[in-house]
Amino acid sequence: MARRRFSTFNLSFLDIMSCGFGAVALIFLIIKHDIDKRQQLTPNDLQAEINLLHEDIQTAEELKVRAKNTLSELDQELVQAQGLARRINNDIEATRSRLDALSETDDAAVEQLRKEIQRLQERKQILEEEAVQG
């Protein structure tokens, strides 16, 4: 029986090692490439960036103040609208009360007028009978 030689560097191992080396080489190339393209910022560029950021902050603060003012105005308008709505509701209730009172008064007045008409019809009938008899 022939004994097989066992080698630690077989084809699969060499494939894995070459892939790893390729990955490392690629990473170094990418990192080197990024370093070449990176710009060196001068203090003037940084100061300009700072100035732009300050302007953005100032603009945002102005917008914040405008928003607060608008909110305050809207709150005042809301309070006025609620007061107006309350007054209108009170007027509606008062008008309904008067209408109910008038309706009751009208019913009573109509009933009184019906009684008066009935009394006058009876009186007329009596007068007609007296005129016929007399």
Protein backbone atom coordinates (compact mmCIF):
# COMPACT_ATOMS: atom_id res chain seq x y z
CA MET A 1 0.00 0.00 0.00
CA ALA A 2 1.32 3.23 -1.03
CA ARG A 3 1.04 5.93 1.42
CA ARG A 4 -0.31 9.23 0.25
CA ARG A 5 1.64 12.28 0.96
CA PHE A 6 -0.23 14.85 2.94
CA SER A 7 0.57 18.45 1.93
CA THR A 8 -0.70 21.51 3.77
CA PHE A 9 -0.37 23.62 0.64
CA ASN A 10 -2.92 22.03 -1.59
CA LEU A 11 -4.87 23.80 -4.38
CA SER A 12 -7.80 24.98 -2.22
CA PHE A 13 -5.48 26.53 0.34
CA LEU A 14 -3.57 28.38 -2.37
CA ASP A 15 -6.83 29.69 -3.85
CA ILE A 16 -7.95 31.07 -0.51
CA MET A 17 -4.58 32.68 0.14
CA SER A 18 -4.49 34.37 -3.27
CA CYS A 19 -8.04 35.72 -2.82
CA GLY A 20 -7.10 37.17 0.57
CA PHE A 21 -3.99 38.78 -0.87
CA GLY A 22 -6.05 40.26 -3.71
CA ALA A 23 -8.55 41.71 -1.23
CA VAL A 24 -5.79 43.28 0.86
CA ALA A 25 -4.13 44.73 -2.26
CA LEU A 26 -7.49 46.15 -3.40
CA ILE A 27 -8.10 47.81 -0.03
CA PHE A 28 -4.66 49.44 -0.12
CA LEU A 29 -5.33 50.73 -3.63
CA ILE A 30 -8.70 52.19 -2.62
CA ILE A 31 -7.27 53.86 0.47
CA LYS A 32 -4.35 55.25 -1.50
CA HIS A 33 -6.71 56.47 -4.21
CA ASP A 34 -8.89 58.26 -1.64
CA ILE A 35 -5.87 60.00 -0.13
CA ASP A 36 -4.82 61.33 -3.52
CA LYS A 37 -8.24 62.88 -4.18
CA ARG A 38 -8.71 64.42 -0.76
CA GLN A 39 -8.37 68.19 -0.76
CA GLN A 40 -6.40 70.05 1.77
CA LEU A 41 -8.60 72.77 3.23
CA THR A 42 -7.00 76.11 3.85
CA PRO A 43 -7.88 78.28 6.84
CA ASN A 44 -9.66 80.68 4.46
CA ASP A 45 -11.87 77.86 3.23
CA LEU A 46 -12.64 76.86 6.81
CA GLN A 47 -13.44 80.45 7.75
CA ALA A 48 -15.76 80.76 4.75
CA GLU A 49 -17.51 77.55 5.80
CA ILE A 50 -17.86 78.90 9.34
CA ASN A 51 -19.32 82.16 7.99
CA LEU A 52 -21.84 80.23 5.89
CA LEU A 53 -22.86 78.19 8.91
CA HIS A 54 -23.28 81.39 10.98
CA GLU A 55 -25.50 82.84 8.24
CA ASP A 56 -27.56 79.65 8.20
CA ILE A 57 -27.95 79.84 11.98
CA GLN A 58 -28.98 83.50 11.80
CA THR A 59 -31.51 82.76 9.06
CA ALA A 60 -32.91 79.87 11.08
CA GLU A 61 -33.24 82.08 14.16
CA GLU A 62 -35.07 84.75 12.13
CA LEU A 63 -37.43 82.10 10.79
CA LYS A 64 -37.94 80.84 14.34
CA VAL A 65 -38.86 84.36 15.52
CA ARG A 66 -41.28 84.76 12.59
CA ALA A 67 -42.84 81.40 13.38
CA LYS A 68 -43.29 82.38 17.04
CA ASN A 69 -44.86 85.70 16.02
CA THR A 70 -47.20 83.93 13.62
CA LEU A 71 -48.10 81.43 16.32
CA SER A 72 -48.81 84.26 18.75
CA GLU A 73 -51.01 86.04 16.20
CA LEU A 74 -52.87 82.81 15.48
CA ASP A 75 -53.41 82.27 19.21
CA GLN A 76 -54.89 85.77 19.50
CA GLU A 77 -57.14 85.16 16.50
CA LEU A 78 -58.22 81.84 18.02
CA VAL A 79 -59.13 83.52 21.31
CA GLN A 80 -61.09 86.20 19.43
CA ALA A 81 -62.87 83.57 17.34
CA GLN A 82 -63.74 81.57 20.45
CA GLY A 83 -65.14 84.71 22.10
CA LEU A 84 -67.15 85.52 19.00
CA ALA A 85 -68.42 81.95 18.82
CA ARG A 86 -69.43 82.13 22.49
CA ARG A 87 -71.32 85.38 21.87
CA ILE A 88 -73.04 83.92 18.82
CA ASN A 89 -74.04 80.83 20.79
CA ASN A 90 -75.43 83.03 23.56
CA ASP A 91 -77.38 85.05 20.98
CA ILE A 92 -78.72 81.85 19.44
CA GLU A 93 -79.85 80.58 22.84
CA ALA A 94 -81.47 83.93 23.65
CA THR A 95 -83.26 83.94 20.29
CA ARG A 96 -84.45 80.38 20.82
CA SER A 97 -85.75 81.31 24.26
CA ARG A 98 -87.61 84.31 22.83
CA LEU A 99 -88.95 82.17 20.00
CA ASP A 100 -90.19 79.54 22.46
CA ALA A 101 -91.77 82.27 24.59
CA LEU A 102 -93.40 83.82 21.53
CA SER A 103 -94.59 80.42 20.40
CA GLU A 104 -96.22 79.82 23.79
CA THR A 105 -97.66 83.33 23.75
CA ASP A 106 -98.91 82.82 20.20
CA ASP A 107 -100.56 79.55 21.20
CA ALA A 108 -102.25 81.26 24.11
CA ALA A 109 -103.25 84.24 21.94
CA VAL A 110 -104.62 81.94 19.22
CA GLU A 111 -106.61 80.03 21.79
CA GLN A 112 -107.96 83.28 23.23
CA LEU A 113 -108.89 84.50 19.74
CA ARG A 114 -110.69 81.20 19.03
CA LYS A 115 -112.70 81.63 22.21
CA GLU A 116 -113.47 85.21 21.22
CA ILE A 117 -114.57 84.06 17.74
CA GLN A 118 -116.74 81.35 19.24
CA ARG A 119 -118.28 83.88 21.67
CA LEU A 120 -118.92 86.31 18.84
CA GLN A 121 -120.48 83.56 16.69
CA GLU A 122 -122.78 82.64 19.57
CA ARG A 123 -123.66 86.32 20.01
CA LYS A 124 -124.33 86.60 16.26
CA GLN A 125 -126.54 83.55 16.34
CA ILE A 126 -128.48 85.00 19.26
CA LEU A 127 -128.89 88.31 17.44
CA GLU A 128 -130.01 86.54 14.27
CA GLU A 129 -132.60 84.59 16.22
CA GLU A 130 -133.86 87.78 17.84
CA ALA A 131 -134.00 89.46 14.47
CA VAL A 132 -135.99 86.55 13.01
CA GLN A 133 -138.39 86.48 15.98
CA GLY A 134 -138.77 90.10 16.33
